[in-house]
PDB file of N, CA and C in Angstrom:
ATOM      1  N   MET A   1     136.137 105.804 106.566  1.00  0.00           N
ATOM      2  CA  MET A   1     134.813 106.296 106.239  1.00  0.00           C
ATOM      3  C   MET A   1     134.954 107.490 105.312  1.00  0.00           C
ATOM      4  N   ARG A   2     134.232 107.462 104.210  1.00  0.00           N
ATOM      5  CA  ARG A   2     134.309 108.526 103.210  1.00  0.00           C
ATOM      6  C   ARG A   2     133.091 109.427 103.344  1.00  0.00           C
ATOM      7  N   LEU A   3     133.344 110.726 103.404  1.00  0.00           N
ATOM      8  CA  LEU A   3     132.258 111.698 103.521  1.00  0.00           C
ATOM      9  C   LEU A   3     131.880 112.201 102.136  1.00  0.00           C
ATOM     10  N   SER A   4     130.577 112.356 101.914  1.00  0.00           N
ATOM     11  CA  SER A   4     130.122 112.853 100.623  1.00  0.00           C
ATOM     12  C   SER A   4     130.279 114.374 100.560  1.00  0.00           C
ATOM     13  N   ARG A   5     130.058 114.920  99.387  1.00  0.00           N
ATOM     14  CA  ARG A   5     130.176 116.375  99.207  1.00  0.00           C
ATOM     15  C   ARG A   5     129.129 117.119 100.017  1.00  0.00           C
ATOM     16  N   TRP A   6     127.923 116.546 100.092  1.00  0.00           N
ATOM     17  CA  TRP A   6     126.851 117.218 100.836  1.00  0.00           C
ATOM     18  C   TRP A   6     127.169 117.293 102.328  1.00  0.00           C
ATOM     19  N   VAL A   7     127.722 116.217 102.858  1.00  0.00           N
ATOM     20  CA  VAL A   7     128.086 116.218 104.279  1.00  0.00           C
ATOM     21  C   VAL A   7     129.162 117.268 104.532  1.00  0.00           C
ATOM     22  N   LEU A   8     130.144 117.338 103.638  1.00  0.00           N
ATOM     23  CA  LEU A   8     131.189 118.343 103.796  1.00  0.00           C
ATOM     24  C   LEU A   8     130.633 119.763 103.671  1.00  0.00           C
ATOM     25  N   LEU A   9     129.690 119.950 102.754  1.00  0.00           N
ATOM     26  CA  LEU A   9     129.064 121.275 102.615  1.00  0.00           C
ATOM     27  C   LEU A   9     128.335 121.671 103.891  1.00  0.00           C
ATOM     28  N   TRP A  10     127.547 120.749 104.456  1.00  0.00           N
ATOM     29  CA  TRP A  10     126.812 121.053 105.684  1.00  0.00           C
ATOM     30  C   TRP A  10     127.771 121.304 106.844  1.00  0.00           C
ATOM     31  N   LEU A  11     128.840 120.514 106.927  1.00  0.00           N
ATOM     32  CA  LEU A  11     129.829 120.737 107.990  1.00  0.00           C
ATOM     33  C   LEU A  11     130.491 122.106 107.838  1.00  0.00           C
ATOM     34  N   LEU A  12     130.764 122.523 106.604  1.00  0.00           N
ATOM     35  CA  LEU A  12     131.338 123.845 106.361  1.00  0.00           C
ATOM     36  C   LEU A  12     130.374 124.943 106.787  1.00  0.00           C
ATOM     37  N   ILE A  13     129.102 124.799 106.428  1.00  0.00           N
ATOM     38  CA  ILE A  13     128.098 125.813 106.809  1.00  0.00           C
ATOM     39  C   ILE A  13     127.990 125.900 108.323  1.00  0.00           C
ATOM     40  N   ILE A  14     127.905 124.764 108.991  1.00  0.00           N
ATOM     41  CA  ILE A  14     127.784 124.759 110.453  1.00  0.00           C
ATOM     42  C   ILE A  14     129.054 125.331 111.078  1.00  0.00           C
ATOM     43  N   GLY A  15     130.218 124.995 110.524  1.00  0.00           N
ATOM     44  CA  GLY A  15     131.474 125.544 111.041  1.00  0.00           C
ATOM     45  C   GLY A  15     131.535 127.060 110.925  1.00  0.00           C
ATOM     46  N   VAL A  16     131.089 127.598 109.787  1.00  0.00           N
ATOM     47  CA  VAL A  16     131.068 129.058 109.605  1.00  0.00           C
ATOM     48  C   VAL A  16     130.115 129.700 110.602  1.00  0.00           C
ATOM     49  N   LEU A  17     128.951 129.090 110.791  1.00  0.00           N
ATOM     50  CA  LEU A  17     127.984 129.653 111.752  1.00  0.00           C
ATOM     51  C   LEU A  17     128.545 129.625 113.176  1.00  0.00           C
ATOM     52  N   VAL A  18     129.208 128.542 113.533  1.00  0.00           N
ATOM     53  CA  VAL A  18     129.810 128.463 114.873  1.00  0.00           C
ATOM     54  C   VAL A  18     130.910 129.512 115.024  1.00  0.00           C
ATOM     55  N   ALA A  19     131.710 129.707 113.979  1.00  0.00           N
ATOM     56  CA  ALA A  19     132.763 130.723 114.032  1.00  0.00           C
ATOM     57  C   ALA A  19     132.177 132.121 114.185  1.00  0.00           C
ATOM     58  N   ILE A  20     131.093 132.398 113.481  1.00  0.00           N
ATOM     59  CA  ILE A  20     130.429 133.705 113.616  1.00  0.00           C
ATOM     60  C   ILE A  20     129.900 133.881 115.032  1.00  0.00           C
ATOM     61  N   GLU A  21     129.285 132.839 115.569  1.00  0.00           N
ATOM     62  CA  GLU A  21     128.735 132.923 116.926  1.00  0.00           C
ATOM     63  C   GLU A  21     129.845 133.152 117.950  1.00  0.00           C
ATOM     64  N   ILE A  22     130.943 132.430 117.810  1.00  0.00           N
ATOM     65  CA  ILE A  22     132.072 132.619 118.738  1.00  0.00           C
ATOM     66  C   ILE A  22     132.625 134.038 118.611  1.00  0.00           C
ATOM     67  N   GLY A  23     132.698 134.538 117.371  1.00  0.00           N
ATOM     68  CA  GLY A  23     133.170 135.914 117.165  1.00  0.00           C
ATOM     69  C   GLY A  23     132.267 136.943 117.798  1.00  0.00           C
ATOM     70  N   VAL A  24     130.955 136.726 117.725  1.00  0.00           N
ATOM     71  CA  VAL A  24     130.009 137.666 118.341  1.00  0.00           C
ATOM     72  C   VAL A  24     130.096 137.589 119.863  1.00  0.00           C
ATOM     73  N   VAL A  25     130.171 136.379 120.413  1.00  0.00           N
ATOM     74  CA  VAL A  25     130.206 136.208 121.868  1.00  0.00           C
ATOM     75  C   VAL A  25     131.492 136.786 122.460  1.00  0.00           C
ATOM     76  N   THR A  26     132.628 136.576 121.807  1.00  0.00           N
ATOM     77  CA  THR A  26     133.898 137.065 122.346  1.00  0.00           C
ATOM     78  C   THR A  26     134.132 138.544 122.055  1.00  0.00           C
ATOM     79  N   GLY A  27     133.299 139.141 121.212  1.00  0.00           N
ATOM     80  CA  GLY A  27     133.439 140.566 120.927  1.00  0.00           C
ATOM     81  C   GLY A  27     134.368 140.863 119.767  1.00  0.00           C
ATOM     82  N   ARG A  28     134.953 139.882 119.149  1.00  0.00           N
ATOM     83  CA  ARG A  28     135.848 140.108 118.008  1.00  0.00           C
ATOM     84  C   ARG A  28     135.072 140.446 116.744  1.00  0.00           C
ATOM     85  N   LEU A  29     133.829 140.043 116.672  1.00  0.00           N
ATOM     86  CA  LEU A  29     133.001 140.312 115.502  1.00  0.00           C
ATOM     87  C   LEU A  29     131.777 141.086 115.977  1.00  0.00           C
ATOM     88  N   ASP A  30     131.670 142.292 115.532  1.00  0.00           N
ATOM     89  CA  ASP A  30     130.543 143.135 115.925  1.00  0.00           C
ATOM     90  C   ASP A  30     129.416 142.923 114.917  1.00  0.00           C
ATOM     91  N   PRO A  31     128.269 142.395 115.355  1.00  0.00           N
ATOM     92  CA  PRO A  31     127.199 142.098 114.399  1.00  0.00           C
ATOM     93  C   PRO A  31     126.638 143.358 113.734  1.00  0.00           C
ATOM     94  N   ILE A  32     126.703 144.476 114.378  1.00  0.00           N
ATOM     95  CA  ILE A  32     126.198 145.705 113.770  1.00  0.00           C
ATOM     96  C   ILE A  32     127.207 146.211 112.731  1.00  0.00           C
ATOM     97  N   GLY A  33     128.479 146.096 113.006  1.00  0.00           N
ATOM     98  CA  GLY A  33     129.513 146.555 112.078  1.00  0.00           C
ATOM     99  C   GLY A  33     129.592 145.693 110.835  1.00  0.00           C
ATOM    100  N   SER A  34     129.411 144.416 110.981  1.00  0.00           N
ATOM    101  CA  SER A  34     129.431 143.526 109.818  1.00  0.00           C
ATOM    102  C   SER A  34     128.005 143.021 109.579  1.00  0.00           C
ATOM    103  N   PHE A  35     127.190 143.928 109.124  1.00  0.00           N
ATOM    104  CA  PHE A  35     125.763 143.663 108.959  1.00  0.00           C
ATOM    105  C   PHE A  35     125.512 142.562 107.934  1.00  0.00           C
ATOM    106  N   LEU A  36     126.299 142.532 106.885  1.00  0.00           N
ATOM    107  CA  LEU A  36     126.115 141.520 105.849  1.00  0.00           C
ATOM    108  C   LEU A  36     126.375 140.115 106.384  1.00  0.00           C
ATOM    109  N   VAL A  37     127.404 139.958 107.192  1.00  0.00           N
ATOM    110  CA  VAL A  37     127.709 138.649 107.771  1.00  0.00           C
ATOM    111  C   VAL A  37     126.579 138.211 108.695  1.00  0.00           C
ATOM    112  N   PHE A  38     126.065 139.153 109.448  1.00  0.00           N
ATOM    113  CA  PHE A  38     124.968 138.848 110.361  1.00  0.00           C
ATOM    114  C   PHE A  38     123.713 138.424 109.586  1.00  0.00           C
ATOM    115  N   ILE A  39     123.380 139.126 108.518  1.00  0.00           N
ATOM    116  CA  ILE A  39     122.197 138.786 107.718  1.00  0.00           C
ATOM    117  C   ILE A  39     122.387 137.432 107.043  1.00  0.00           C
ATOM    118  N   LEU A  40     123.579 137.184 106.522  1.00  0.00           N
ATOM    119  CA  LEU A  40     123.857 135.901 105.885  1.00  0.00           C
ATOM    120  C   LEU A  40     123.711 134.755 106.890  1.00  0.00           C
ATOM    121  N   ALA A  41     124.268 134.926 108.070  1.00  0.00           N
ATOM    122  CA  ALA A  41     124.146 133.891 109.103  1.00  0.00           C
ATOM    123  C   ALA A  41     122.691 133.691 109.507  1.00  0.00           C
ATOM    124  N   LEU A  42     121.951 134.786 109.606  1.00  0.00           N
ATOM    125  CA  LEU A  42     120.539 134.700 109.966  1.00  0.00           C
ATOM    126  C   LEU A  42     119.746 133.965 108.888  1.00  0.00           C
ATOM    127  N   MET A  43     120.058 134.210 107.623  1.00  0.00           N
ATOM    128  CA  MET A  43     119.361 133.520 106.532  1.00  0.00           C
ATOM    129  C   MET A  43     119.677 132.028 106.531  1.00  0.00           C
ATOM    130  N   VAL A  44     120.924 131.674 106.743  1.00  0.00           N
ATOM    131  CA  VAL A  44     121.295 130.252 106.760  1.00  0.00           C
ATOM    132  C   VAL A  44     120.624 129.530 107.920  1.00  0.00           C
ATOM    133  N   VAL A  45     120.626 130.157 109.079  1.00  0.00           N
ATOM    134  CA  VAL A  45     119.962 129.542 110.237  1.00  0.00           C
ATOM    135  C   VAL A  45     118.470 129.409 109.975  1.00  0.00           C
ATOM    136  N   SER A  46     117.869 130.405 109.343  1.00  0.00           N
ATOM    137  CA  SER A  46     116.439 130.339 109.036  1.00  0.00           C
ATOM    138  C   SER A  46     116.137 129.203 108.074  1.00  0.00           C
ATOM    139  N   VAL A  47     116.928 129.064 107.039  1.00  0.00           N
ATOM    140  CA  VAL A  47     116.707 127.982 106.073  1.00  0.00           C
ATOM    141  C   VAL A  47     116.886 126.622 106.742  1.00  0.00           C
ATOM    142  N   LEU A  48     117.918 126.481 107.541  1.00  0.00           N
ATOM    143  CA  LEU A  48     118.130 125.202 108.230  1.00  0.00           C
ATOM    144  C   LEU A  48     116.993 124.891 109.198  1.00  0.00           C
ATOM    145  N   SER A  49     116.488 125.911 109.884  1.00  0.00           N
ATOM    146  CA  SER A  49     115.388 125.663 110.821  1.00  0.00           C
ATOM    147  C   SER A  49     114.104 125.295 110.084  1.00  0.00           C
ATOM    148  N   ILE A  50     113.863 125.897 108.923  1.00  0.00           N
ATOM    149  CA  ILE A  50     112.675 125.541 108.145  1.00  0.00           C
ATOM    150  C   ILE A  50     112.779 124.109 107.640  1.00  0.00           C
ATOM    151  N   ILE A  51     113.945 123.737 107.126  1.00  0.00           N
ATOM    152  CA  ILE A  51     114.145 122.361 106.656  1.00  0.00           C
ATOM    153  C   ILE A  51     113.964 121.377 107.809  1.00  0.00           C
ATOM    154  N   GLY A  52     114.533 121.689 108.963  1.00  0.00           N
ATOM    155  CA  GLY A  52     114.378 120.820 110.133  1.00  0.00           C
ATOM    156  C   GLY A  52     112.933 120.715 110.577  1.00  0.00           C
ATOM    157  N   ALA A  53     112.220 121.845 110.565  1.00  0.00           N
ATOM    158  CA  ALA A  53     110.808 121.830 110.974  1.00  0.00           C
ATOM    159  C   ALA A  53     109.974 120.983 110.022  1.00  0.00           C
ATOM    160  N   VAL A  54     110.274 121.056 108.729  1.00  0.00           N
ATOM    161  CA  VAL A  54     109.534 120.249 107.765  1.00  0.00           C
ATOM    162  C   VAL A  54     109.768 118.767 108.028  1.00  0.00           C
ATOM    163  N   PHE A  55     111.017 118.372 108.250  1.00  0.00           N
ATOM    164  CA  PHE A  55     111.303 116.963 108.502  1.00  0.00           C
ATOM    165  C   PHE A  55     110.703 116.489 109.822  1.00  0.00           C
ATOM    166  N   VAL A  56     110.764 117.302 110.850  1.00  0.00           N
ATOM    167  CA  VAL A  56     110.145 116.926 112.125  1.00  0.00           C
ATOM    168  C   VAL A  56     108.635 116.816 111.964  1.00  0.00           C
ATOM    169  N   GLY A  57     108.030 117.753 111.223  1.00  0.00           N
ATOM    170  CA  GLY A  57     106.592 117.695 110.977  1.00  0.00           C
ATOM    171  C   GLY A  57     106.193 116.458 110.205  1.00  0.00           C
ATOM    172  N   MET A  58     106.992 116.094 109.204  1.00  0.00           N
ATOM    173  CA  MET A  58     106.697 114.877 108.443  1.00  0.00           C
ATOM    174  C   MET A  58     106.793 113.647 109.333  1.00  0.00           C
ATOM    175  N   PHE A  59     107.798 113.604 110.192  1.00  0.00           N
ATOM    176  CA  PHE A  59     107.972 112.460 111.082  1.00  0.00           C
ATOM    177  C   PHE A  59     106.806 112.350 112.061  1.00  0.00           C
ATOM    178  N   VAL A  60     106.438 113.476 112.672  1.00  0.00           N
ATOM    179  CA  VAL A  60     105.349 113.459 113.659  1.00  0.00           C
ATOM    180  C   VAL A  60     104.021 113.107 112.990  1.00  0.00           C
ATOM    181  N   SER A  61     103.734 113.710 111.829  1.00  0.00           N
ATOM    182  CA  SER A  61     102.469 113.405 111.164  1.00  0.00           C
ATOM    183  C   SER A  61     102.422 111.954 110.694  1.00  0.00           C
ATOM    184  N   HIS A  62     103.547 111.418 110.279  1.00  0.00           N
ATOM    185  CA  HIS A  62     103.567 110.007 109.885  1.00  0.00           C
ATOM    186  C   HIS A  62     103.284 109.110 111.081  1.00  0.00           C
ATOM    187  N   ARG A  63     103.872 109.437 112.213  1.00  0.00           N
ATOM    188  CA  ARG A  63     103.644 108.628 113.419  1.00  0.00           C
ATOM    189  C   ARG A  63     102.194 108.726 113.891  1.00  0.00           C
ATOM    190  N   ILE A  64     101.591 109.909 113.762  1.00  0.00           N
ATOM    191  CA  ILE A  64     100.217 110.094 114.222  1.00  0.00           C
ATOM    192  C   ILE A  64      99.231 109.433 113.265  1.00  0.00           C
ATOM    193  N   LEU A  65      99.451 109.606 111.959  1.00  0.00           N
ATOM    194  CA  LEU A  65      98.484 109.145 110.975  1.00  0.00           C
ATOM    195  C   LEU A  65      98.704 107.709 110.513  1.00  0.00           C
ATOM    196  N   SER A  66      99.804 107.094 110.907  1.00  0.00           N
ATOM    197  CA  SER A  66     100.041 105.720 110.454  1.00  0.00           C
ATOM    198  C   SER A  66      99.043 104.787 111.112  1.00  0.00           C
ATOM    199  N   THR A  67      98.697 103.745 110.390  1.00  0.00           N
ATOM    200  CA  THR A  67      97.702 102.805 110.912  1.00  0.00           C
ATOM    201  C   THR A  67      98.305 101.999 112.051  1.00  0.00           C
ATOM    202  N   LYS A  68      97.532 101.843 113.080  1.00  0.00           N
ATOM    203  CA  LYS A  68      97.989 101.081 114.240  1.00  0.00           C
ATOM    204  C   LYS A  68      97.529  99.632 114.166  1.00  0.00           C
ATOM    205  N   GLY A  69      96.499  99.348 113.359  1.00  0.00           N
ATOM    206  CA  GLY A  69      95.965  97.996 113.284  1.00  0.00           C
ATOM    207  C   GLY A  69      96.527  97.247 112.099  1.00  0.00           C
ATOM    208  N   PHE A  70      95.816  96.194 111.725  1.00  0.00           N
ATOM    209  CA  PHE A  70      96.232  95.375 110.600  1.00  0.00           C
ATOM    210  C   PHE A  70      95.787  96.027 109.295  1.00  0.00           C
ATOM    211  N   THR A  71      96.491  95.719 108.240  1.00  0.00           N
ATOM    212  CA  THR A  71      96.094  96.176 106.911  1.00  0.00           C
ATOM    213  C   THR A  71      94.891  95.360 106.459  1.00  0.00           C
ATOM    214  N   PRO A  72      94.149  95.823 105.454  1.00  0.00           N
ATOM    215  CA  PRO A  72      93.003  95.034 104.969  1.00  0.00           C
ATOM    216  C   PRO A  72      93.393  93.623 104.521  1.00  0.00           C
ATOM    217  N   PHE A  73      94.560  93.488 103.912  1.00  0.00           N
ATOM    218  CA  PHE A  73      95.019  92.158 103.500  1.00  0.00           C
ATOM    219  C   PHE A  73      95.223  91.261 104.719  1.00  0.00           C
ATOM    220  N   GLU A  74      95.855  91.801 105.754  1.00  0.00           N
ATOM    221  CA  GLU A  74      96.087  91.004 106.959  1.00  0.00           C
ATOM    222  C   GLU A  74      94.777  90.651 107.648  1.00  0.00           C
ATOM    223  N   GLN A  75      93.805  91.576 107.640  1.00  0.00           N
ATOM    224  CA  GLN A  75      92.501  91.273 108.228  1.00  0.00           C
ATOM    225  C   GLN A  75      91.817  90.129 107.475  1.00  0.00           C
ATOM    226  N   GLU A  76      91.899  90.158 106.146  1.00  0.00           N
ATOM    227  CA  GLU A  76      91.302  89.093 105.347  1.00  0.00           C
ATOM    228  C   GLU A  76      91.994  87.760 105.617  1.00  0.00           C
ATOM    229  N   MET A  77      93.309  87.770 105.771  1.00  0.00           N
ATOM    230  CA  MET A  77      94.034  86.532 106.075  1.00  0.00           C
ATOM    231  C   MET A  77      93.620  85.984 107.443  1.00  0.00           C
ATOM    232  N   LEU A  78      93.408  86.860 108.413  1.00  0.00           N
ATOM    233  CA  LEU A  78      92.964  86.395 109.730  1.00  0.00           C
ATOM    234  C   LEU A  78      91.559  85.804 109.662  1.00  0.00           C
ATOM    235  N   ARG A  79      90.673  86.445 108.873  1.00  0.00           N
ATOM    236  CA  ARG A  79      89.325  85.893 108.699  1.00  0.00           C
ATOM    237  C   ARG A  79      89.382  84.527 108.015  1.00  0.00           C
ATOM    238  N   MET A  80      90.224  84.409 106.997  1.00  0.00           N
ATOM    239  CA  MET A  80      90.354  83.144 106.290  1.00  0.00           C
ATOM    240  C   MET A  80      90.919  82.064 107.218  1.00  0.00           C
ATOM    241  N   ARG A  81      91.842  82.432 108.077  1.00  0.00           N
ATOM    242  CA  ARG A  81      92.392  81.468 109.045  1.00  0.00           C
ATOM    243  C   ARG A  81      91.301  80.966 109.974  1.00  0.00           C
ATOM    244  N   GLN A  82      90.436  81.884 110.418  1.00  0.00           N
ATOM    245  CA  GLN A  82      89.330  81.495 111.288  1.00  0.00           C
ATOM    246  C   GLN A  82      88.370  80.576 110.545  1.00  0.00           C
ATOM    247  N   ASP A  83      88.093  80.877 109.272  1.00  0.00           N
ATOM    248  CA  ASP A  83      87.210  80.017 108.479  1.00  0.00           C
ATOM    249  C   ASP A  83      87.802  78.621 108.319  1.00  0.00           C
ATOM    250  N   VAL A  84      89.088  78.535 108.051  1.00  0.00           N
ATOM    251  CA  VAL A  84      89.745  77.231 107.909  1.00  0.00           C
ATOM    252  C   VAL A  84      89.689  76.467 109.225  1.00  0.00           C
ATOM    253  N   ARG A  85      89.885  77.167 110.331  1.00  0.00           N
ATOM    254  CA  ARG A  85      89.810  76.507 111.645  1.00  0.00           C
ATOM    255  C   ARG A  85      88.402  75.958 111.889  1.00  0.00           C
ATOM    256  N   GLU A  86      87.369  76.751 111.559  1.00  0.00           N
ATOM    257  CA  GLU A  86      85.989  76.286 111.743  1.00  0.00           C
ATOM    258  C   GLU A  86      85.682  75.095 110.840  1.00  0.00           C
ATOM    259  N   LEU A  87      86.139  75.166 109.577  1.00  0.00           N
ATOM    260  CA  LEU A  87      85.916  74.041 108.664  1.00  0.00           C
ATOM    261  C   LEU A  87      86.627  72.785 109.150  1.00  0.00           C
ATOM    262  N   SER A  88      87.823  72.935 109.692  1.00  0.00           N
ATOM    263  CA  SER A  88      88.562  71.793 110.211  1.00  0.00           C
ATOM    264  C   SER A  88      87.834  71.169 111.401  1.00  0.00           C
ATOM    265  N   GLU A  89      87.283  72.008 112.266  1.00  0.00           N
ATOM    266  CA  GLU A  89      86.527  71.481 113.410  1.00  0.00           C
ATOM    267  C   GLU A  89      85.281  70.740 112.934  1.00  0.00           C
ATOM    268  N   ARG A  90      84.570  71.319 111.950  1.00  0.00           N
ATOM    269  CA  ARG A  90      83.371  70.664 111.424  1.00  0.00           C
ATOM    270  C   ARG A  90      83.720  69.340 110.754  1.00  0.00           C
ATOM    271  N   LEU A  91      84.849  69.323 110.036  1.00  0.00           N
ATOM    272  CA  LEU A  91      85.291  68.081 109.398  1.00  0.00           C
ATOM    273  C   LEU A  91      85.637  67.036 110.453  1.00  0.00           C
ATOM    274  N   GLY A  92      86.246  67.474 111.548  1.00  0.00           N
ATOM    275  CA  GLY A  92      86.538  66.558 112.652  1.00  0.00           C
ATOM    276  C   GLY A  92      85.273  65.995 113.270  1.00  0.00           C
ATOM    277  N   GLU A  93      84.244  66.838 113.406  1.00  0.00           N
ATOM    278  CA  GLU A  93      82.960  66.362 113.947  1.00  0.00           C
ATOM    279  C   GLU A  93      82.326  65.342 113.006  1.00  0.00           C
ATOM    280  N   ILE A  94      82.374  65.626 111.701  1.00  0.00           N
ATOM    281  CA  ILE A  94      81.796  64.698 110.721  1.00  0.00           C
ATOM    282  C   ILE A  94      82.556  63.375 110.753  1.00  0.00           C
ATOM    283  N   ALA A  95      83.883  63.448 110.847  1.00  0.00           N
ATOM    284  CA  ALA A  95      84.690  62.230 110.920  1.00  0.00           C
ATOM    285  C   ALA A  95      84.370  61.444 112.177  1.00  0.00           C
ATOM    286  N   ALA A  96      84.126  62.154 113.277  1.00  0.00           N
ATOM    287  CA  ALA A  96      83.788  61.457 114.522  1.00  0.00           C
ATOM    288  C   ALA A  96      82.437  60.773 114.390  1.00  0.00           C
ATOM    289  N   ARG A  97      81.464  61.405 113.718  1.00  0.00           N
ATOM    290  CA  ARG A  97      80.150  60.783 113.521  1.00  0.00           C
ATOM    291  C   ARG A  97      80.250  59.535 112.642  1.00  0.00           C
ATOM    292  N   LEU A  98      81.128  59.582 111.662  1.00  0.00           N
ATOM    293  CA  LEU A  98      81.293  58.430 110.773  1.00  0.00           C
ATOM    294  C   LEU A  98      82.154  57.352 111.395  1.00  0.00           C
ATOM    295  N   GLY A  99      82.763  57.638 112.509  1.00  0.00           N
ATOM    296  CA  GLY A  99      83.580  56.651 113.197  1.00  0.00           C
ATOM    297  C   GLY A  99      85.004  56.608 112.689  1.00  0.00           C
ATOM    298  N   LEU A 100      85.435  57.643 112.014  1.00  0.00           N
ATOM    299  CA  LEU A 100      86.809  57.708 111.523  1.00  0.00           C
ATOM    300  C   LEU A 100      87.650  58.518 112.485  1.00  0.00           C
ATOM    301  N   ALA A 101      88.854  58.053 112.696  1.00  0.00           N
ATOM    302  CA  ALA A 101      89.782  58.847 113.501  1.00  0.00           C
ATOM    303  C   ALA A 101      90.285  59.996 112.625  1.00  0.00           C
ATOM    304  N   PRO A 102      90.763  61.065 113.211  1.00  0.00           N
ATOM    305  CA  PRO A 102      91.227  62.195 112.401  1.00  0.00           C
ATOM    306  C   PRO A 102      92.313  61.818 111.408  1.00  0.00           C
ATOM    307  N   GLY A 103      93.149  60.833 111.696  1.00  0.00           N
ATOM    308  CA  GLY A 103      94.197  60.426 110.771  1.00  0.00           C
ATOM    309  C   GLY A 103      93.723  59.398 109.761  1.00  0.00           C
ATOM    310  N   ASP A 104      92.498  58.888 109.889  1.00  0.00           N
ATOM    311  CA  ASP A 104      91.975  57.820 109.024  1.00  0.00           C
ATOM    312  C   ASP A 104      91.087  58.370 107.924  1.00  0.00           C
ATOM    313  N   ARG A 105      91.335  59.503 107.406  1.00  0.00           N
ATOM    314  CA  ARG A 105      90.454  60.127 106.413  1.00  0.00           C
ATOM    315  C   ARG A 105      90.450  59.375 105.081  1.00  0.00           C
ATOM    316  N   ASN A 106      91.533  58.704 104.741  1.00  0.00           N
ATOM    317  CA  ASN A 106      91.615  58.027 103.454  1.00  0.00           C
ATOM    318  C   ASN A 106      91.025  56.609 103.497  1.00  0.00           C
ATOM    319  N   LYS A 107      90.766  56.095 104.683  1.00  0.00           N
ATOM    320  CA  LYS A 107      90.219  54.737 104.790  1.00  0.00           C
ATOM    321  C   LYS A 107      88.701  54.777 104.602  1.00  0.00           C
ATOM    322  N   PRO A 108      88.139  53.781 103.912  1.00  0.00           N
ATOM    323  CA  PRO A 108      86.667  53.721 103.760  1.00  0.00           C
ATOM    324  C   PRO A 108      86.027  53.301 105.061  1.00  0.00           C
ATOM    325  N   PRO A 109      84.750  53.691 105.286  1.00  0.00           N
ATOM    326  CA  PRO A 109      84.065  53.336 106.553  1.00  0.00           C
ATOM    327  C   PRO A 109      83.730  51.877 106.684  1.00  0.00           C
TER     328      PRO A 109
END
């Protein structure tokens, strides 16, 4: 499996953030002493959270606003199917009145 440059970039960013977090938790990296590293990590996390929120919002709004019923084309096809069914029934009734069996449509009365 080949990883693209973007995947490697994101993995590098996440790896750096995890390393910073481990350094802060273990006490090896003092966030007050290395203020620039802390601000940089905070900015990256903020950007990633905004991007994630936008994608989650798009997904949720698409699910909420997507149509649950048939499209207008599908509704028209269903109406046309019903019309064809009604016409077929009426044709069957007419054939029965004329004394023709449903399969005998081509034969003269």
